[in-house]
PDB file of N, CA and C in Angstrom:
ATOM      1  N   MET A   1       3.745  -9.816   4.807  1.00  0.00           N
ATOM      2  CA  MET A   1       2.926  -8.957   3.975  1.00  0.00           C
ATOM      3  C   MET A   1       3.786  -7.791   3.473  1.00  0.00           C
ATOM      4  N   ASP A   2       3.597  -7.449   2.236  1.00  0.00           N
ATOM      5  CA  ASP A   2       4.287  -6.296   1.667  1.00  0.00           C
ATOM      6  C   ASP A   2       3.853  -5.047   2.431  1.00  0.00           C
ATOM      7  N   TYR A   3       4.828  -4.233   2.818  1.00  0.00           N
ATOM      8  CA  TYR A   3       4.528  -3.045   3.624  1.00  0.00           C
ATOM      9  C   TYR A   3       3.622  -2.072   2.868  1.00  0.00           C
ATOM     10  N   ARG A   4       3.800  -1.995   1.539  1.00  0.00           N
ATOM     11  CA  ARG A   4       2.943  -1.094   0.761  1.00  0.00           C
ATOM     12  C   ARG A   4       1.493  -1.546   0.818  1.00  0.00           C
ATOM     13  N   LEU A   5       1.271  -2.867   0.816  1.00  0.00           N
ATOM     14  CA  LEU A   5      -0.090  -3.393   0.920  1.00  0.00           C
ATOM     15  C   LEU A   5      -0.668  -3.086   2.301  1.00  0.00           C
ATOM     16  N   PHE A   6       0.158  -3.218   3.337  1.00  0.00           N
ATOM     17  CA  PHE A   6      -0.265  -2.845   4.686  1.00  0.00           C
ATOM     18  C   PHE A   6      -0.704  -1.378   4.713  1.00  0.00           C
ATOM     19  N   LEU A   7       0.116  -0.506   4.107  1.00  0.00           N
ATOM     20  CA  LEU A   7      -0.222   0.918   4.066  1.00  0.00           C
ATOM     21  C   LEU A   7      -1.523   1.156   3.304  1.00  0.00           C
ATOM     22  N   LEU A   8      -1.716   0.431   2.216  1.00  0.00           N
ATOM     23  CA  LEU A   8      -2.934   0.588   1.427  1.00  0.00           C
ATOM     24  C   LEU A   8      -4.161   0.221   2.244  1.00  0.00           C
ATOM     25  N   GLU A   9      -4.068  -0.879   2.988  1.00  0.00           N
ATOM     26  CA  GLU A   9      -5.213  -1.292   3.808  1.00  0.00           C
ATOM     27  C   GLU A   9      -5.586  -0.199   4.809  1.00  0.00           C
ATOM     28  N   VAL A  10      -4.593   0.436   5.392  1.00  0.00           N
ATOM     29  CA  VAL A  10      -4.859   1.514   6.352  1.00  0.00           C
ATOM     30  C   VAL A  10      -5.350   2.759   5.618  1.00  0.00           C
ATOM     31  N   ALA A  11      -4.824   2.993   4.412  1.00  0.00           N
ATOM     32  CA  ALA A  11      -5.157   4.204   3.650  1.00  0.00           C
ATOM     33  C   ALA A  11      -6.578   4.186   3.102  1.00  0.00           C
ATOM     34  N   GLU A  12      -7.239   3.058   3.146  1.00  0.00           N
ATOM     35  CA  GLU A  12      -8.590   2.981   2.609  1.00  0.00           C
ATOM     36  C   GLU A  12      -9.626   3.589   3.557  1.00  0.00           C
ATOM     37  N   GLN A  13      -9.177   4.483   4.417  1.00  0.00           N
ATOM     38  CA  GLN A  13     -10.080   5.193   5.316  1.00  0.00           C
ATOM     39  C   GLN A  13     -10.853   6.230   4.494  1.00  0.00           C
ATOM     40  N   PRO A  14     -12.085   6.512   4.874  1.00  0.00           N
ATOM     41  CA  PRO A  14     -12.895   7.426   4.063  1.00  0.00           C
ATOM     42  C   PRO A  14     -12.368   8.861   4.001  1.00  0.00           C
ATOM     43  N   GLY A  15     -11.532   9.267   4.944  1.00  0.00           N
ATOM     44  CA  GLY A  15     -11.060  10.649   4.955  1.00  0.00           C
ATOM     45  C   GLY A  15      -9.801  10.886   4.138  1.00  0.00           C
ATOM     46  N   LEU A  16      -9.238   9.843   3.539  1.00  0.00           N
ATOM     47  CA  LEU A  16      -8.043  10.009   2.729  1.00  0.00           C
ATOM     48  C   LEU A  16      -8.438  10.051   1.256  1.00  0.00           C
ATOM     49  N   ARG A  17      -8.053  11.129   0.585  1.00  0.00           N
ATOM     50  CA  ARG A  17      -8.373  11.280  -0.845  1.00  0.00           C
ATOM     51  C   ARG A  17      -7.299  10.688  -1.729  1.00  0.00           C
ATOM     52  N   GLY A  18      -6.045  10.780  -1.289  1.00  0.00           N
ATOM     53  CA  GLY A  18      -4.945  10.321  -2.124  1.00  0.00           C
ATOM     54  C   GLY A  18      -3.920   9.559  -1.318  1.00  0.00           C
ATOM     55  N   PHE A  19      -3.260   8.645  -2.000  1.00  0.00           N
ATOM     56  CA  PHE A  19      -2.293   7.785  -1.328  1.00  0.00           C
ATOM     57  C   PHE A  19      -1.280   7.301  -2.355  1.00  0.00           C
ATOM     58  N   LEU A  20      -0.024   7.255  -1.952  1.00  0.00           N
ATOM     59  CA  LEU A  20       1.029   6.710  -2.803  1.00  0.00           C
ATOM     60  C   LEU A  20       2.097   6.118  -1.902  1.00  0.00           C
ATOM     61  N   ALA A  21       2.552   4.913  -2.230  1.00  0.00           N
ATOM     62  CA  ALA A  21       3.661   4.285  -1.517  1.00  0.00           C
ATOM     63  C   ALA A  21       4.513   3.584  -2.558  1.00  0.00           C
ATOM     64  N   ARG A  22       5.807   3.823  -2.497  1.00  0.00           N
ATOM     65  CA  ARG A  22       6.709   3.189  -3.450  1.00  0.00           C
ATOM     66  C   ARG A  22       8.045   2.916  -2.790  1.00  0.00           C
ATOM     67  N   ASN A  23       8.733   1.918  -3.324  1.00  0.00           N
ATOM     68  CA  ASN A  23      10.057   1.582  -2.814  1.00  0.00           C
ATOM     69  C   ASN A  23      11.064   2.578  -3.362  1.00  0.00           C
ATOM     70  N   VAL A  24      11.841   3.165  -2.461  1.00  0.00           N
ATOM     71  CA  VAL A  24      12.925   4.077  -2.836  1.00  0.00           C
ATOM     72  C   VAL A  24      14.148   3.622  -2.047  1.00  0.00           C
ATOM     73  N   GLY A  25      15.037   2.896  -2.712  1.00  0.00           N
ATOM     74  CA  GLY A  25      16.182   2.335  -2.009  1.00  0.00           C
ATOM     75  C   GLY A  25      15.723   1.345  -0.964  1.00  0.00           C
ATOM     76  N   ASP A  26      16.168   1.517   0.259  1.00  0.00           N
ATOM     77  CA  ASP A  26      15.782   0.613   1.349  1.00  0.00           C
ATOM     78  C   ASP A  26      14.528   1.083   2.070  1.00  0.00           C
ATOM     79  N   ASN A  27      13.935   2.163   1.613  1.00  0.00           N
ATOM     80  CA  ASN A  27      12.772   2.735   2.288  1.00  0.00           C
ATOM     81  C   ASN A  27      11.512   2.575   1.462  1.00  0.00           C
ATOM     82  N   VAL A  28      10.382   2.675   2.142  1.00  0.00           N
ATOM     83  CA  VAL A  28       9.107   2.845   1.465  1.00  0.00           C
ATOM     84  C   VAL A  28       8.746   4.305   1.632  1.00  0.00           C
ATOM     85  N   GLU A  29       8.568   4.984   0.512  1.00  0.00           N
ATOM     86  CA  GLU A  29       8.206   6.397   0.527  1.00  0.00           C
ATOM     87  C   GLU A  29       6.688   6.472   0.453  1.00  0.00           C
ATOM     88  N   ARG A  30       6.093   7.288   1.295  1.00  0.00           N
ATOM     89  CA  ARG A  30       4.647   7.364   1.370  1.00  0.00           C
ATOM     90  C   ARG A  30       4.194   8.811   1.351  1.00  0.00           C
ATOM     91  N   VAL A  31       3.123   9.065   0.587  1.00  0.00           N
ATOM     92  CA  VAL A  31       2.518  10.393   0.524  1.00  0.00           C
ATOM     93  C   VAL A  31       1.014  10.196   0.664  1.00  0.00           C
ATOM     94  N   THR A  32       0.372  11.034   1.464  1.00  0.00           N
ATOM     95  CA  THR A  32      -1.085  10.959   1.605  1.00  0.00           C
ATOM     96  C   THR A  32      -1.687  12.345   1.454  1.00  0.00           C
ATOM     97  N   GLU A  33      -2.931  12.366   1.028  1.00  0.00           N
ATOM     98  CA  GLU A  33      -3.695  13.605   0.941  1.00  0.00           C
ATOM     99  C   GLU A  33      -5.069  13.351   1.538  1.00  0.00           C
ATOM    100  N   GLY A  34      -5.627  14.364   2.145  1.00  0.00           N
ATOM    101  CA  GLY A  34      -6.972  14.217   2.673  1.00  0.00           C
ATOM    102  C   GLY A  34      -7.209  15.109   3.868  1.00  0.00           C
ATOM    103  N   ASP A  35      -8.291  14.819   4.548  1.00  0.00           N
ATOM    104  CA  ASP A  35      -8.652  15.541   5.755  1.00  0.00           C
ATOM    105  C   ASP A  35      -7.506  15.462   6.750  1.00  0.00           C
ATOM    106  N   GLU A  36      -7.119  16.590   7.316  1.00  0.00           N
ATOM    107  CA  GLU A  36      -5.951  16.653   8.204  1.00  0.00           C
ATOM    108  C   GLU A  36      -6.046  15.671   9.366  1.00  0.00           C
ATOM    109  N   GLY A  37      -7.227  15.517   9.941  1.00  0.00           N
ATOM    110  CA  GLY A  37      -7.404  14.585  11.057  1.00  0.00           C
ATOM    111  C   GLY A  37      -7.175  13.141  10.638  1.00  0.00           C
ATOM    112  N   TRP A  38      -7.682  12.768   9.460  1.00  0.00           N
ATOM    113  CA  TRP A  38      -7.488  11.402   8.963  1.00  0.00           C
ATOM    114  C   TRP A  38      -6.031  11.154   8.612  1.00  0.00           C
ATOM    115  N   VAL A  39      -5.380  12.134   8.000  1.00  0.00           N
ATOM    116  CA  VAL A  39      -3.962  11.980   7.660  1.00  0.00           C
ATOM    117  C   VAL A  39      -3.153  11.796   8.935  1.00  0.00           C
ATOM    118  N   ARG A  40      -3.435  12.599   9.951  1.00  0.00           N
ATOM    119  CA  ARG A  40      -2.732  12.478  11.236  1.00  0.00           C
ATOM    120  C   ARG A  40      -2.964  11.092  11.842  1.00  0.00           C
ATOM    121  N   TYR A  41      -4.230  10.621  11.826  1.00  0.00           N
ATOM    122  CA  TYR A  41      -4.545   9.281  12.340  1.00  0.00           C
ATOM    123  C   TYR A  41      -3.762   8.218  11.564  1.00  0.00           C
ATOM    124  N   PHE A  42      -3.763   8.339  10.231  1.00  0.00           N
ATOM    125  CA  PHE A  42      -3.051   7.395   9.379  1.00  0.00           C
ATOM    126  C   PHE A  42      -1.572   7.340   9.752  1.00  0.00           C
ATOM    127  N   LEU A  43      -0.945   8.512   9.878  1.00  0.00           N
ATOM    128  CA  LEU A  43       0.481   8.568  10.191  1.00  0.00           C
ATOM    129  C   LEU A  43       0.776   7.959  11.563  1.00  0.00           C
ATOM    130  N   GLU A  44      -0.033   8.279  12.553  1.00  0.00           N
ATOM    131  CA  GLU A  44       0.178   7.734  13.892  1.00  0.00           C
ATOM    132  C   GLU A  44       0.008   6.212  13.900  1.00  0.00           C
ATOM    133  N   PHE A  45      -1.030   5.742  13.203  1.00  0.00           N
ATOM    134  CA  PHE A  45      -1.270   4.307  13.146  1.00  0.00           C
ATOM    135  C   PHE A  45      -0.112   3.591  12.465  1.00  0.00           C
ATOM    136  N   VAL A  46       0.333   4.120  11.332  1.00  0.00           N
ATOM    137  CA  VAL A  46       1.415   3.491  10.571  1.00  0.00           C
ATOM    138  C   VAL A  46       2.712   3.480  11.375  1.00  0.00           C
ATOM    139  N   ARG A  47       3.023   4.580  12.031  1.00  0.00           N
ATOM    140  CA  ARG A  47       4.257   4.641  12.825  1.00  0.00           C
ATOM    141  C   ARG A  47       4.249   3.620  13.954  1.00  0.00           C
ATOM    142  N   SER A  48       3.112   3.441  14.599  1.00  0.00           N
ATOM    143  CA  SER A  48       3.063   2.549  15.756  1.00  0.00           C
ATOM    144  C   SER A  48       2.804   1.087  15.381  1.00  0.00           C
ATOM    145  N   ASN A  49       2.435   0.808  14.135  1.00  0.00           N
ATOM    146  CA  ASN A  49       2.111  -0.564  13.738  1.00  0.00           C
ATOM    147  C   ASN A  49       2.927  -1.072  12.553  1.00  0.00           C
ATOM    148  N   ARG A  50       3.987  -0.378  12.217  1.00  0.00           N
ATOM    149  CA  ARG A  50       4.759  -0.811  11.046  1.00  0.00           C
ATOM    150  C   ARG A  50       5.489  -2.110  11.345  1.00  0.00           C
ATOM    151  N   PRO A  51       5.662  -2.948  10.321  1.00  0.00           N
ATOM    152  CA  PRO A  51       6.424  -4.185  10.520  1.00  0.00           C
ATOM    153  C   PRO A  51       7.837  -3.884  10.998  1.00  0.00           C
ATOM    154  N   GLU A  52       8.395  -4.782  11.759  1.00  0.00           N
ATOM    155  CA  GLU A  52       9.686  -4.564  12.413  1.00  0.00           C
ATOM    156  C   GLU A  52      10.794  -4.169  11.438  1.00  0.00           C
ATOM    157  N   LEU A  53      10.857  -4.822  10.299  1.00  0.00           N
ATOM    158  CA  LEU A  53      11.943  -4.580   9.356  1.00  0.00           C
ATOM    159  C   LEU A  53      11.635  -3.472   8.340  1.00  0.00           C
ATOM    160  N   ALA A  54      10.444  -2.915   8.404  1.00  0.00           N
ATOM    161  CA  ALA A  54      10.065  -1.898   7.423  1.00  0.00           C
ATOM    162  C   ALA A  54      10.661  -0.546   7.780  1.00  0.00           C
ATOM    163  N   SER A  55      11.107   0.133   6.770  1.00  0.00           N
ATOM    164  CA  SER A  55      11.657   1.473   6.932  1.00  0.00           C
ATOM    165  C   SER A  55      10.787   2.423   6.124  1.00  0.00           C
ATOM    166  N   LEU A  56      10.252   3.418   6.771  1.00  0.00           N
ATOM    167  CA  LEU A  56       9.320   4.338   6.125  1.00  0.00           C
ATOM    168  C   LEU A  56       9.945   5.713   6.013  1.00  0.00           C
ATOM    169  N   ARG A  57       9.890   6.273   4.826  1.00  0.00           N
ATOM    170  CA  ARG A  57      10.344   7.647   4.612  1.00  0.00           C
ATOM    171  C   ARG A  57       9.112   8.483   4.327  1.00  0.00           C
ATOM    172  N   GLU A  58       8.832   9.407   5.215  1.00  0.00           N
ATOM    173  CA  GLU A  58       7.680  10.281   5.015  1.00  0.00           C
ATOM    174  C   GLU A  58       8.111  11.465   4.164  1.00  0.00           C
ATOM    175  N   VAL A  59       7.283  11.808   3.215  1.00  0.00           N
ATOM    176  CA  VAL A  59       7.601  12.873   2.274  1.00  0.00           C
ATOM    177  C   VAL A  59       6.671  14.044   2.531  1.00  0.00           C
ATOM    178  N   ALA A  60       7.250  15.216   2.742  1.00  0.00           N
ATOM    179  CA  ALA A  60       6.456  16.425   2.945  1.00  0.00           C
ATOM    180  C   ALA A  60       5.824  16.821   1.613  1.00  0.00           C
ATOM    181  N   ASP A  61       4.658  17.445   1.689  1.00  0.00           N
ATOM    182  CA  ASP A  61       3.950  17.843   0.469  1.00  0.00           C
ATOM    183  C   ASP A  61       4.820  18.672  -0.460  1.00  0.00           C
ATOM    184  N   ASP A  62       5.617  19.585   0.109  1.00  0.00           N
ATOM    185  CA  ASP A  62       6.433  20.457  -0.738  1.00  0.00           C
ATOM    186  C   ASP A  62       7.652  19.735  -1.323  1.00  0.00           C
ATOM    187  N   GLU A  63       7.985  18.539  -0.818  1.00  0.00           N
ATOM    188  CA  GLU A  63       9.104  17.743  -1.351  1.00  0.00           C
ATOM    189  C   GLU A  63       8.676  16.889  -2.529  1.00  0.00           C
ATOM    190  N   TYR A  64       7.416  16.496  -2.564  1.00  0.00           N
ATOM    191  CA  TYR A  64       6.955  15.514  -3.536  1.00  0.00           C
ATOM    192  C   TYR A  64       6.527  16.176  -4.832  1.00  0.00           C
ATOM    193  N   GLU A  65       7.096  15.682  -5.929  1.00  0.00           N
ATOM    194  CA  GLU A  65       6.717  16.177  -7.245  1.00  0.00           C
ATOM    195  C   GLU A  65       6.109  15.018  -8.015  1.00  0.00           C
ATOM    196  N   GLY A  66       4.832  14.988  -8.110  1.00  0.00           N
ATOM    197  CA  GLY A  66       4.160  13.901  -8.819  1.00  0.00           C
ATOM    198  C   GLY A  66       2.698  13.857  -8.436  1.00  0.00           C
ATOM    199  N   ASN A  67       2.009  12.841  -8.935  1.00  0.00           N
ATOM    200  CA  ASN A  67       0.585  12.686  -8.656  1.00  0.00           C
ATOM    201  C   ASN A  67       0.375  11.743  -7.487  1.00  0.00           C
ATOM    202  N   VAL A  68      -0.502  12.138  -6.607  1.00  0.00           N
ATOM    203  CA  VAL A  68      -0.941  11.257  -5.538  1.00  0.00           C
ATOM    204  C   VAL A  68      -2.291  10.726  -5.991  1.00  0.00           C
ATOM    205  N   VAL A  69      -2.427   9.404  -6.021  1.00  0.00           N
ATOM    206  CA  VAL A  69      -3.626   8.785  -6.573  1.00  0.00           C
ATOM    207  C   VAL A  69      -4.562   8.325  -5.464  1.00  0.00           C
ATOM    208  N   SER A  70      -5.778   8.000  -5.851  1.00  0.00           N
ATOM    209  CA  SER A  70      -6.729   7.455  -4.878  1.00  0.00           C
ATOM    210  C   SER A  70      -6.256   6.071  -4.452  1.00  0.00           C
ATOM    211  N   ALA A  71      -6.767   5.596  -3.327  1.00  0.00           N
ATOM    212  CA  ALA A  71      -6.408   4.260  -2.850  1.00  0.00           C
ATOM    213  C   ALA A  71      -6.795   3.213  -3.892  1.00  0.00           C
ATOM    214  N   GLU A  72      -7.922   3.407  -4.571  1.00  0.00           N
ATOM    215  CA  GLU A  72      -8.356   2.454  -5.596  1.00  0.00           C
ATOM    216  C   GLU A  72      -7.363   2.414  -6.757  1.00  0.00           C
ATOM    217  N   GLU A  73      -6.892   3.576  -7.184  1.00  0.00           N
ATOM    218  CA  GLU A  73      -5.930   3.642  -8.274  1.00  0.00           C
ATOM    219  C   GLU A  73      -4.596   3.036  -7.836  1.00  0.00           C
ATOM    220  N   PHE A  74      -4.183   3.305  -6.602  1.00  0.00           N
ATOM    221  CA  PHE A  74      -2.947   2.715  -6.104  1.00  0.00           C
ATOM    222  C   PHE A  74      -3.057   1.195  -6.089  1.00  0.00           C
ATOM    223  N   TYR A  75      -4.194   0.689  -5.649  1.00  0.00           N
ATOM    224  CA  TYR A  75      -4.416  -0.754  -5.618  1.00  0.00           C
ATOM    225  C   TYR A  75      -4.281  -1.339  -7.025  1.00  0.00           C
ATOM    226  N   ARG A  76      -4.865  -0.690  -8.017  1.00  0.00           N
ATOM    227  CA  ARG A  76      -4.779  -1.147  -9.401  1.00  0.00           C
ATOM    228  C   ARG A  76      -3.320  -1.165  -9.862  1.00  0.00           C
ATOM    229  N   LEU A  77      -2.580  -0.095  -9.561  1.00  0.00           N
ATOM    230  CA  LEU A  77      -1.167  -0.012  -9.932  1.00  0.00           C
ATOM    231  C   LEU A  77      -0.344  -1.086  -9.226  1.00  0.00           C
ATOM    232  N   PHE A  78      -0.670  -1.335  -7.964  1.00  0.00           N
ATOM    233  CA  PHE A  78       0.037  -2.339  -7.180  1.00  0.00           C
ATOM    234  C   PHE A  78      -0.186  -3.726  -7.769  1.00  0.00           C
ATOM    235  N   ILE A  79      -1.411  -4.026  -8.159  1.00  0.00           N
ATOM    236  CA  ILE A  79      -1.717  -5.323  -8.769  1.00  0.00           C
ATOM    237  C   ILE A  79      -0.956  -5.476 -10.081  1.00  0.00           C
ATOM    238  N   GLN A  80      -0.896  -4.415 -10.880  1.00  0.00           N
ATOM    239  CA  GLN A  80      -0.135  -4.469 -12.128  1.00  0.00           C
ATOM    240  C   GLN A  80       1.332  -4.801 -11.846  1.00  0.00           C
ATOM    241  N   GLN A  81       1.874  -4.204 -10.802  1.00  0.00           N
ATOM    242  CA  GLN A  81       3.262  -4.460 -10.420  1.00  0.00           C
ATOM    243  C   GLN A  81       3.449  -5.918 -10.002  1.00  0.00           C
ATOM    244  N   LEU A  82       2.497  -6.464  -9.257  1.00  0.00           N
ATOM    245  CA  LEU A  82       2.580  -7.856  -8.839  1.00  0.00           C
ATOM    246  C   LEU A  82       2.514  -8.803 -10.035  1.00  0.00           C
ATOM    247  N   VAL A  83       1.674  -8.476 -11.020  1.00  0.00           N
ATOM    248  CA  VAL A  83       1.568  -9.304 -12.222  1.00  0.00           C
ATOM    249  C   VAL A  83       2.895  -9.297 -12.978  1.00  0.00           C
ATOM    250  N   LYS A  84       3.526  -8.134 -13.102  1.00  0.00           N
ATOM    251  CA  LYS A  84       4.831  -8.055 -13.768  1.00  0.00           C
ATOM    252  C   LYS A  84       5.865  -8.900 -13.029  1.00  0.00           C
ATOM    253  N   THR A  85       5.849  -8.834 -11.703  1.00  0.00           N
ATOM    254  CA  THR A  85       6.786  -9.617 -10.899  1.00  0.00           C
ATOM    255  C   THR A  85       6.542 -11.111 -11.098  1.00  0.00           C
ATOM    256  N   ALA A  86       5.276 -11.521 -11.103  1.00  0.00           N
ATOM    257  CA  ALA A  86       4.946 -12.933 -11.297  1.00  0.00           C
ATOM    258  C   ALA A  86       5.386 -13.399 -12.684  1.00  0.00           C
ATOM    259  N   ASN A  87       5.152 -12.583 -13.706  1.00  0.00           N
ATOM    260  CA  ASN A  87       5.561 -12.954 -15.062  1.00  0.00           C
ATOM    261  C   ASN A  87       7.077 -13.082 -15.168  1.00  0.00           C
ATOM    262  N   ALA A  88       7.799 -12.178 -14.517  1.00  0.00           N
ATOM    263  CA  ALA A  88       9.259 -12.266 -14.525  1.00  0.00           C
ATOM    264  C   ALA A  88       9.709 -13.560 -13.850  1.00  0.00           C
ATOM    265  N   GLY A  89       9.066 -13.919 -12.751  1.00  0.00           N
ATOM    266  CA  GLY A  89       9.395 -15.163 -12.052  1.00  0.00           C
ATOM    267  C   GLY A  89       9.118 -16.384 -12.912  1.00  0.00           C
ATOM    268  N   LEU A  90       8.006 -16.365 -13.660  1.00  0.00           N
ATOM    269  CA  LEU A  90       7.699 -17.481 -14.554  1.00  0.00           C
ATOM    270  C   LEU A  90       8.739 -17.609 -15.653  1.00  0.00           C
ATOM    271  N   GLY A  91       9.186 -16.472 -16.180  1.00  0.00           N
ATOM    272  CA  GLY A  91      10.235 -16.496 -17.203  1.00  0.00           C
ATOM    273  C   GLY A  91      11.516 -17.107 -16.659  1.00  0.00           C
ATOM    274  N   MET A  92      11.856 -16.774 -15.423  1.00  0.00           N
ATOM    275  CA  MET A  92      13.056 -17.333 -14.798  1.00  0.00           C
ATOM    276  C   MET A  92      12.918 -18.834 -14.619  1.00  0.00           C
ATOM    277  N   LEU A  93      11.725 -19.288 -14.234  1.00  0.00           N
ATOM    278  CA  LEU A  93      11.507 -20.726 -14.062  1.00  0.00           C
ATOM    279  C   LEU A  93      11.623 -21.466 -15.386  1.00  0.00           C
ATOM    280  N   GLU A  94      11.117 -20.872 -16.459  1.00  0.00           N
ATOM    281  CA  GLU A  94      11.233 -21.497 -17.780  1.00  0.00           C
ATOM    282  C   GLU A  94      12.694 -21.631 -18.190  1.00  0.00           C
ATOM    283  N   ARG A  95      13.479 -20.582 -17.971  1.00  0.00           N
ATOM    284  CA  ARG A  95      14.911 -20.649 -18.292  1.00  0.00           C
ATOM    285  C   ARG A  95      15.610 -21.699 -17.435  1.00  0.00           C
ATOM    286  N   GLN A  96      15.225 -21.774 -16.175  1.00  0.00           N
ATOM    287  CA  GLN A  96      15.814 -22.769 -15.284  1.00  0.00           C
ATOM    288  C   GLN A  96      15.485 -24.180 -15.777  1.00  0.00           C
ATOM    289  N   ASP A  97      14.245 -24.400 -16.206  1.00  0.00           N
ATOM    290  CA  ASP A  97      13.861 -25.715 -16.725  1.00  0.00           C
ATOM    291  C   ASP A  97      14.690 -26.091 -17.947  1.00  0.00           C
ATOM    292  N   ARG A  98      14.915 -25.126 -18.858  1.00  0.00           N
ATOM    293  CA  ARG A  98      15.733 -25.394 -20.049  1.00  0.00           C
ATOM    294  C   ARG A  98      17.173 -25.737 -19.650  1.00  0.00           C
ATOM    295  N   MET A  99      17.692 -25.015 -18.680  1.00  0.00           N
ATOM    296  CA  MET A  99      19.059 -25.290 -18.212  1.00  0.00           C
ATOM    297  C   MET A  99      19.153 -26.690 -17.600  1.00  0.00           C
ATOM    298  N   LEU A 100      18.141 -27.082 -16.823  1.00  0.00           N
ATOM    299  CA  LEU A 100      18.149 -28.409 -16.207  1.00  0.00           C
ATOM    300  C   LEU A 100      18.051 -29.503 -17.265  1.00  0.00           C
ATOM    301  N   GLU A 101      17.254 -29.259 -18.307  1.00  0.00           N
ATOM    302  CA  GLU A 101      17.163 -30.237 -19.397  1.00  0.00           C
ATOM    303  C   GLU A 101      18.517 -30.404 -20.075  1.00  0.00           C
ATOM    304  N   LYS A 102      19.213 -29.303 -20.336  1.00  0.00           N
ATOM    305  CA  LYS A 102      20.546 -29.373 -20.944  1.00  0.00           C
ATOM    306  C   LYS A 102      21.518 -30.095 -20.015  1.00  0.00           C
ATOM    307  N   GLN A 103      21.410 -29.825 -18.732  1.00  0.00           N
ATOM    308  CA  GLN A 103      22.273 -30.489 -17.756  1.00  0.00           C
ATOM    309  C   GLN A 103      22.019 -31.996 -17.765  1.00  0.00           C
ATOM    310  N   ASP A 104      20.751 -32.399 -17.799  1.00  0.00           N
ATOM    311  CA  ASP A 104      20.416 -33.822 -17.848  1.00  0.00           C
ATOM    312  C   ASP A 104      20.994 -34.474 -19.099  1.00  0.00           C
ATOM    313  N   GLU A 105      20.902 -33.792 -20.247  1.00  0.00           N
ATOM    314  CA  GLU A 105      21.458 -34.323 -21.496  1.00  0.00           C
ATOM    315  C   GLU A 105      22.972 -34.489 -21.378  1.00  0.00           C
ATOM    316  N   THR A 106      23.634 -33.505 -20.787  1.00  0.00           N
ATOM    317  CA  THR A 106      25.091 -33.573 -20.617  1.00  0.00           C
ATOM    318  C   THR A 106      25.473 -34.731 -19.708  1.00  0.00           C
ATOM    319  N   ILE A 107      24.740 -34.927 -18.633  1.00  0.00           N
ATOM    320  CA  ILE A 107      25.016 -36.032 -17.704  1.00  0.00           C
ATOM    321  C   ILE A 107      24.849 -37.372 -18.420  1.00  0.00           C
ATOM    322  N   LYS A 108      23.799 -37.502 -19.238  1.00  0.00           N
ATOM    323  CA  LYS A 108      23.587 -38.743 -19.993  1.00  0.00           C
ATOM    324  C   LYS A 108      24.765 -39.006 -20.934  1.00  0.00           C
ATOM    325  N   GLU A 109      25.229 -37.957 -21.618  1.00  0.00           N
ATOM    326  CA  GLU A 109      26.366 -38.113 -22.537  1.00  0.00           C
ATOM    327  C   GLU A 109      27.621 -38.528 -21.780  1.00  0.00           C
ATOM    328  N   ILE A 110      27.871 -37.927 -20.640  1.00  0.00           N
ATOM    329  CA  ILE A 110      29.059 -38.268 -19.840  1.00  0.00           C
ATOM    330  C   ILE A 110      28.971 -39.715 -19.384  1.00  0.00           C
ATOM    331  N   ARG A 111      27.818 -40.137 -18.899  1.00  0.00           N
ATOM    332  CA  ARG A 111      27.640 -41.518 -18.452  1.00  0.00           C
ATOM    333  C   ARG A 111      27.842 -42.487 -19.612  1.00  0.00           C
ATOM    334  N   ALA A 112      27.299 -42.135 -20.764  1.00  0.00           N
ATOM    335  CA  ALA A 112      27.450 -43.012 -21.937  1.00  0.00           C
ATOM    336  C   ALA A 112      28.924 -43.147 -22.308  1.00  0.00           C
ATOM    337  N   ARG A 113      29.670 -42.083 -22.269  1.00  0.00           N
ATOM    338  CA  ARG A 113      31.095 -42.120 -22.598  1.00  0.00           C
ATOM    339  C   ARG A 113      31.889 -42.946 -21.570  1.00  0.00           C
ATOM    340  N   ILE A 114      31.511 -42.821 -20.296  1.00  0.00           N
ATOM    341  CA  ILE A 114      32.205 -43.574 -19.243  1.00  0.00           C
ATOM    342  C   ILE A 114      31.974 -45.059 -19.450  1.00  0.00           C
ATOM    343  N   TRP A 115      30.729 -45.448 -19.758  1.00  0.00           N
ATOM    344  CA  TRP A 115      30.418 -46.869 -19.933  1.00  0.00           C
ATOM    345  C   TRP A 115      31.054 -47.419 -21.192  1.00  0.00           C
ATOM    346  N   MET A 116      31.283 -46.565 -22.200  1.00  0.00           N
ATOM    347  CA  MET A 116      31.899 -47.040 -23.441  1.00  0.00           C
ATOM    348  C   MET A 116      33.405 -47.211 -23.277  1.00  0.00           C
ATOM    349  N   ALA A 117      33.984 -46.481 -22.369  1.00  0.00           N
ATOM    350  CA  ALA A 117      35.452 -46.520 -22.201  1.00  0.00           C
ATOM    351  C   ALA A 117      35.951 -47.789 -21.577  1.00  0.00           C
TER     352      ALA A 117
END
């Protein structure tokens, strides 16, 4: 499971007003806003339940320059990102199919030349 999706599932607690998670280098950067008790619970839960290979960079409020969105808005943005990734993958598959077709044509030509020789 994508670590950002894991964070989103936890962030959908009623006491969190804002949530943001994004990939920054090898880390997932996370910012939350909301009731102090819920934010503390969220942080403790995430620290103790993070996937083994996940690296989390916590950002202090005074370090972060940008908008922290609601969990619903983050989910919408995350889905948009997944759609872009899927479309890019489909484009790569189409190019691969064209390359394989050209390769098949080249192999046929080589075989035809060998049999004619």
